[in-house]
C-alpha cells in the first residue's frame, strides 16, 4: 500500500470515527433536552414566574418539605384540554413513595396550578388534600386522582376531551 493509499484509508477511518462522535453528541444533547423539558413540582415552587401561583395553591395547607425540595419526580405528562396546554406532574416522598404522593396540573397559558396531596396509611385508607381546587370541580379532581393512581397515562385521550375548567386564582 502506497503512502497516498494509506492516507485515504485513514481519512475514511477518521470520517467513520467523526460520524460516530457526532451521533453520540446528538444523542447526549437530545437526552439533556428531554430532561430539561420535564417540568417538576419543585421547579413550579421555585421558579420566579410560577412561585406566587404555587404558593397561592398551597397557602391553606401545610405540605412536607420534600414536596419542594427533593421529591422523587415521575415524567411530566403534557396534555391539551379544550385547546389549552397543561403539564401534569406527579411526585412522591423519596423516603416513602408508597405512603406520600402529590399530583399537580399546571397551565402555562393561564398560569394556574391545582393539585392533590395524598397520604396512604393503609392500602384501603387514603387521605387526600385538594390544593387550589373546589368541591364543585369533580372532573378536575378526577383528572388529578387519575394522575396520582397512574391511570392518567392509560386514559389520556378520554381525559383530553373532558369539559373541565380549572379554578382561577385571580392572578
C-alpha atoms as a PDB file:
ATOM      1  CA  UNK A   1       0.000   0.000   0.000  1.00  0.00           C
ATOM      2  CA  UNK A   2       1.442   3.356  -1.002  1.00  0.00           C
ATOM      3  CA  UNK A   3       1.531   6.308   1.352  1.00  0.00           C
ATOM      4  CA  UNK A   4      -1.293   8.082  -0.562  1.00  0.00           C
ATOM      5  CA  UNK A   5      -3.488   4.964  -0.301  1.00  0.00           C
ATOM      6  CA  UNK A   6      -2.762   4.777   3.462  1.00  0.00           C
ATOM      7  CA  UNK A   7      -3.748   8.439   3.813  1.00  0.00           C
ATOM      8  CA  UNK A   8      -7.077   7.717   2.059  1.00  0.00           C
ATOM      9  CA  UNK A   9      -7.762   4.743   4.325  1.00  0.00           C
ATOM     10  CA  UNK A  10      -7.010   6.799   7.418  1.00  0.00           C
ATOM     11  CA  UNK A  11      -9.273   9.529   6.122  1.00  0.00           C
ATOM     12  CA  UNK A  12     -12.108   7.037   5.705  1.00  0.00           C
ATOM     13  CA  UNK A  13     -11.494   5.717   9.233  1.00  0.00           C
ATOM     14  CA  UNK A  14     -11.447   9.268  10.558  1.00  0.00           C
ATOM     15  CA  UNK A  15     -14.733  10.041   8.803  1.00  0.00           C
ATOM     16  CA  UNK A  16     -16.353   6.995  10.397  1.00  0.00           C
ATOM     17  CA  UNK A  17     -14.938   7.984  13.796  1.00  0.00           C
ATOM     18  CA  UNK A  18     -16.170  11.573  13.467  1.00  0.00           C
ATOM     19  CA  UNK A  19     -19.618  10.397  12.392  1.00  0.00           C
ATOM     20  CA  UNK A  20     -19.755   8.200  15.485  1.00  0.00           C
ATOM     21  CA  UNK A  21     -18.728  11.105  17.703  1.00  0.00           C
ATOM     22  CA  UNK A  22     -21.335  13.399  16.111  1.00  0.00           C
ATOM     23  CA  UNK A  23     -24.051  10.754  16.534  1.00  0.00           C
ATOM     24  CA  UNK A  24     -23.086  10.307  20.197  1.00  0.00           C
ATOM     25  CA  UNK A  25     -23.183  14.079  20.789  1.00  0.00           C
ATOM     26  CA  UNK A  26     -26.620  14.304  19.172  1.00  0.00           C
ATOM     27  CA  UNK A  27     -27.907  11.544  21.469  1.00  0.00           C
ATOM     28  CA  UNK A  28     -26.462  13.284  24.536  1.00  0.00           C
ATOM     29  CA  UNK A  29     -27.980  16.633  23.547  1.00  0.00           C
ATOM     30  CA  UNK A  30     -31.369  15.011  22.880  1.00  0.00           C
ATOM     31  CA  UNK A  31     -31.308  13.332  26.308  1.00  0.00           C
ATOM     32  CA  UNK A  32     -30.378  16.624  28.008  1.00  0.00           C
ATOM     33  CA  UNK A  33     -33.143  18.432  26.123  1.00  0.00           C
ATOM     34  CA  UNK A  34     -35.717  15.828  27.180  1.00  0.00           C
ATOM     35  CA  UNK A  35     -34.579  16.135  30.798  1.00  0.00           C
ATOM     36  CA  UNK A  36     -34.917  19.929  30.643  1.00  0.00           C
ATOM     37  CA  UNK A  37     -38.467  19.615  29.255  1.00  0.00           C
ATOM     38  CA  UNK A  38     -39.601  17.572  32.268  1.00  0.00           C
ATOM     39  CA  UNK A  39     -41.223  20.237  34.437  1.00  0.00           C
ATOM     40  CA  UNK A  40     -41.228  19.294  38.106  1.00  0.00           C
ATOM     41  CA  UNK A  41     -43.227  20.424  41.120  1.00  0.00           C
ATOM     42  CA  UNK A  42     -40.000  21.750  42.632  1.00  0.00           C
ATOM     43  CA  UNK A  43     -39.499  23.919  39.544  1.00  0.00           C
ATOM     44  CA  UNK A  44     -43.022  25.359  39.867  1.00  0.00           C
ATOM     45  CA  UNK A  45     -42.470  26.127  43.562  1.00  0.00           C
ATOM     46  CA  UNK A  46     -39.153  27.875  42.998  1.00  0.00           C
ATOM     47  CA  UNK A  47     -39.373  29.467  39.538  1.00  0.00           C
ATOM     48  CA  UNK A  48     -39.947  33.253  39.771  1.00  0.00           C
ATOM     49  CA  UNK A  49     -42.721  33.134  37.140  1.00  0.00           C
ATOM     50  CA  UNK A  50     -44.745  30.400  38.912  1.00  0.00           C
ATOM     51  CA  UNK A  51     -43.704  30.707  42.571  1.00  0.00           C
ATOM     52  CA  UNK A  52     -46.571  33.025  43.598  1.00  0.00           C
ATOM     53  CA  UNK A  53     -49.164  30.872  41.864  1.00  0.00           C
ATOM     54  CA  UNK A  54     -47.753  27.723  43.509  1.00  0.00           C
ATOM     55  CA  UNK A  55     -47.744  29.266  46.975  1.00  0.00           C
ATOM     56  CA  UNK A  56     -51.289  30.568  46.410  1.00  0.00           C
ATOM     57  CA  UNK A  57     -52.325  26.960  45.716  1.00  0.00           C
ATOM     58  CA  UNK A  58     -50.772  25.542  48.893  1.00  0.00           C
ATOM     59  CA  UNK A  59     -51.244  28.503  51.275  1.00  0.00           C
ATOM     60  CA  UNK A  60     -54.047  26.881  53.297  1.00  0.00           C
ATOM     61  CA  UNK A  61     -52.250  23.514  53.533  1.00  0.00           C
ATOM     62  CA  UNK A  62     -49.100  22.530  55.346  1.00  0.00           C
ATOM     63  CA  UNK A  63     -47.110  20.363  52.953  1.00  0.00           C
ATOM     64  CA  UNK A  64     -43.938  18.490  53.898  1.00  0.00           C
ATOM     65  CA  UNK A  65     -40.582  19.924  52.793  1.00  0.00           C
ATOM     66  CA  UNK A  66     -39.884  17.073  50.341  1.00  0.00           C
ATOM     67  CA  UNK A  67     -42.600  18.436  48.020  1.00  0.00           C
ATOM     68  CA  UNK A  68     -40.483  21.451  47.066  1.00  0.00           C
ATOM     69  CA  UNK A  69     -37.003  20.191  47.869  1.00  0.00           C
ATOM     70  CA  UNK A  70     -36.214  16.616  46.959  1.00  0.00           C
ATOM     71  CA  UNK A  71     -39.351  14.933  45.636  1.00  0.00           C
ATOM     72  CA  UNK A  72     -38.996  11.820  43.518  1.00  0.00           C
ATOM     73  CA  UNK A  73     -40.478  13.033  40.225  1.00  0.00           C
ATOM     74  CA  UNK A  74     -42.260  10.962  37.624  1.00  0.00           C
ATOM     75  CA  UNK A  75     -42.169  12.022  33.960  1.00  0.00           C
ATOM     76  CA  UNK A  76     -44.384  15.012  33.202  1.00  0.00           C
ATOM     77  CA  UNK A  77     -47.439  14.347  31.031  1.00  0.00           C
ATOM     78  CA  UNK A  78     -48.232  17.081  28.518  1.00  0.00           C
ATOM     79  CA  UNK A  79     -51.900  17.343  27.598  1.00  0.00           C
ATOM     80  CA  UNK A  80     -54.203  19.557  25.606  1.00  0.00           C
ATOM     81  CA  UNK A  81     -57.648  20.074  27.114  1.00  0.00           C
ATOM     82  CA  UNK A  82     -60.090  22.301  25.282  1.00  0.00           C
ATOM     83  CA  UNK A  83     -57.230  23.776  23.223  1.00  0.00           C
ATOM     84  CA  UNK A  84     -55.197  24.721  26.323  1.00  0.00           C
ATOM     85  CA  UNK A  85     -51.869  23.071  27.096  1.00  0.00           C
ATOM     86  CA  UNK A  86     -51.368  21.521  30.547  1.00  0.00           C
ATOM     87  CA  UNK A  87     -48.472  19.817  32.302  1.00  0.00           C
ATOM     88  CA  UNK A  88     -49.438  17.087  34.761  1.00  0.00           C
ATOM     89  CA  UNK A  89     -46.807  16.191  37.316  1.00  0.00           C
ATOM     90  CA  UNK A  90     -46.607  13.504  39.941  1.00  0.00           C
ATOM     91  CA  UNK A  91     -44.025  13.180  42.693  1.00  0.00           C
ATOM     92  CA  UNK A  92     -43.572  11.244  45.884  1.00  0.00           C
ATOM     93  CA  UNK A  93     -41.639  11.299  49.125  1.00  0.00           C
ATOM     94  CA  UNK A  94     -38.253   9.783  48.246  1.00  0.00           C
ATOM     95  CA  UNK A  95     -38.154   8.063  51.634  1.00  0.00           C
ATOM     96  CA  UNK A  96     -41.618   6.503  51.294  1.00  0.00           C
ATOM     97  CA  UNK A  97     -43.054   6.694  47.784  1.00  0.00           C
ATOM     98  CA  UNK A  98     -45.976   4.401  48.548  1.00  0.00           C
ATOM     99  CA  UNK A  99     -47.078   6.470  51.547  1.00  0.00           C
ATOM    100  CA  UNK A 100     -46.918  10.115  50.358  1.00  0.00           C
ATOM    101  CA  UNK A 101     -47.589  11.444  46.864  1.00  0.00           C
ATOM    102  CA  UNK A 102     -48.614  14.660  45.155  1.00  0.00           C
ATOM    103  CA  UNK A 103     -50.064  15.350  41.720  1.00  0.00           C
ATOM    104  CA  UNK A 104     -50.197  18.826  40.193  1.00  0.00           C
ATOM    105  CA  UNK A 105     -51.588  20.238  36.972  1.00  0.00           C
ATOM    106  CA  UNK A 106     -50.171  23.464  35.565  1.00  0.00           C
ATOM    107  CA  UNK A 107     -51.422  25.660  32.737  1.00  0.00           C
ATOM    108  CA  UNK A 108     -48.638  27.903  31.418  1.00  0.00           C
ATOM    109  CA  UNK A 109     -51.171  29.826  29.283  1.00  0.00           C
ATOM    110  CA  UNK A 110     -53.416  30.656  32.236  1.00  0.00           C
ATOM    111  CA  UNK A 111     -50.711  30.475  34.942  1.00  0.00           C
ATOM    112  CA  UNK A 112     -52.967  28.228  37.026  1.00  0.00           C
ATOM    113  CA  UNK A 113     -51.792  25.429  39.295  1.00  0.00           C
ATOM    114  CA  UNK A 114     -54.035  22.906  41.090  1.00  0.00           C
ATOM    115  CA  UNK A 115     -53.136  19.718  42.885  1.00  0.00           C
ATOM    116  CA  UNK A 116     -53.826  16.924  45.303  1.00  0.00           C
ATOM    117  CA  UNK A 117     -51.637  15.672  48.152  1.00  0.00           C
ATOM    118  CA  UNK A 118     -52.119  12.060  49.253  1.00  0.00           C
ATOM    119  CA  UNK A 119     -51.163  10.118  52.356  1.00  0.00           C
ATOM    120  CA  UNK A 120     -51.895   6.398  52.397  1.00  0.00           C
ATOM    121  CA  UNK A 121     -51.835   4.950  55.904  1.00  0.00           C
ATOM    122  CA  UNK A 122     -53.038   1.518  54.854  1.00  0.00           C
ATOM    123  CA  UNK A 123     -53.819   0.163  51.379  1.00  0.00           C
ATOM    124  CA  UNK A 124     -57.531   0.703  51.971  1.00  0.00           C
ATOM    125  CA  UNK A 125     -57.213   4.150  53.612  1.00  0.00           C
ATOM    126  CA  UNK A 126     -56.061   7.173  51.640  1.00  0.00           C
ATOM    127  CA  UNK A 127     -56.308  10.786  52.799  1.00  0.00           C
ATOM    128  CA  UNK A 128     -56.485  13.494  50.102  1.00  0.00           C
ATOM    129  CA  UNK A 129     -55.858  17.238  50.435  1.00  0.00           C
ATOM    130  CA  UNK A 130     -57.117  19.197  47.432  1.00  0.00           C
ATOM    131  CA  UNK A 131     -54.924  22.163  46.583  1.00  0.00           C
ATOM    132  CA  UNK A 132     -56.378  25.163  44.753  1.00  0.00           C
ATOM    133  CA  UNK A 133     -59.477  23.288  43.647  1.00  0.00           C
ATOM    134  CA  UNK A 134     -63.086  23.497  44.816  1.00  0.00           C
ATOM    135  CA  UNK A 135     -65.516  20.677  45.625  1.00  0.00           C
ATOM    136  CA  UNK A 136     -67.637  21.612  42.593  1.00  0.00           C
ATOM    137  CA  UNK A 137     -64.831  20.675  40.196  1.00  0.00           C
ATOM    138  CA  UNK A 138     -65.364  16.913  40.128  1.00  0.00           C
ATOM    139  CA  UNK A 139     -63.865  16.462  36.636  1.00  0.00           C
ATOM    140  CA  UNK A 140     -60.726  18.316  37.646  1.00  0.00           C
ATOM    141  CA  UNK A 141     -60.444  16.187  40.785  1.00  0.00           C
ATOM    142  CA  UNK A 142     -60.897  13.032  38.699  1.00  0.00           C
ATOM    143  CA  UNK A 143     -58.041  14.116  36.438  1.00  0.00           C
ATOM    144  CA  UNK A 144     -55.706  14.743  39.390  1.00  0.00           C
ATOM    145  CA  UNK A 145     -56.696  11.473  41.062  1.00  0.00           C
ATOM    146  CA  UNK A 146     -56.002   9.651  37.786  1.00  0.00           C
ATOM    147  CA  UNK A 147     -52.545  11.253  37.791  1.00  0.00           C
ATOM    148  CA  UNK A 148     -51.972  10.019  41.360  1.00  0.00           C
ATOM    149  CA  UNK A 149     -53.092   6.484  40.592  1.00  0.00           C
ATOM    150  CA  UNK A 150     -51.143   6.246  37.341  1.00  0.00           C
ATOM    151  CA  UNK A 151     -54.253   5.682  35.233  1.00  0.00           C
ATOM    152  CA  UNK A 152     -53.949   9.087  33.532  1.00  0.00           C
ATOM    153  CA  UNK A 153     -51.393   7.709  31.119  1.00  0.00           C
ATOM    154  CA  UNK A 154     -53.812   4.963  30.048  1.00  0.00           C
ATOM    155  CA  UNK A 155     -56.839   7.309  29.841  1.00  0.00           C
ATOM    156  CA  UNK A 156     -55.104  10.321  28.318  1.00  0.00           C
ATOM    157  CA  UNK A 157     -57.227  10.557  25.158  1.00  0.00           C
ATOM    158  CA  UNK A 158     -60.504  10.342  27.100  1.00  0.00           C
ATOM    159  CA  UNK A 159     -59.390  12.992  29.595  1.00  0.00           C
ATOM    160  CA  UNK A 160     -58.297  15.361  26.816  1.00  0.00           C
ATOM    161  CA  UNK A 161     -61.909  15.554  25.657  1.00  0.00           C
ATOM    162  CA  UNK A 162     -63.361  16.232  29.121  1.00  0.00           C
ATOM    163  CA  UNK A 163     -65.028  19.586  29.635  1.00  0.00           C
ATOM    164  CA  UNK A 164     -63.026  20.602  32.687  1.00  0.00           C
ATOM    165  CA  UNK A 165     -62.320  24.133  33.809  1.00  0.00           C
ATOM    166  CA  UNK A 166     -59.504  24.961  36.229  1.00  0.00           C
ATOM    167  CA  UNK A 167     -60.039  27.038  39.336  1.00  0.00           C
ATOM    168  CA  UNK A 168     -58.766  30.569  38.748  1.00  0.00           C
ATOM    169  CA  UNK A 169     -56.747  32.243  41.453  1.00  0.00           C
ATOM    170  CA  UNK A 170     -57.335  35.807  40.341  1.00  0.00           C
ATOM    171  CA  UNK A 171     -53.650  36.275  39.492  1.00  0.00           C
END
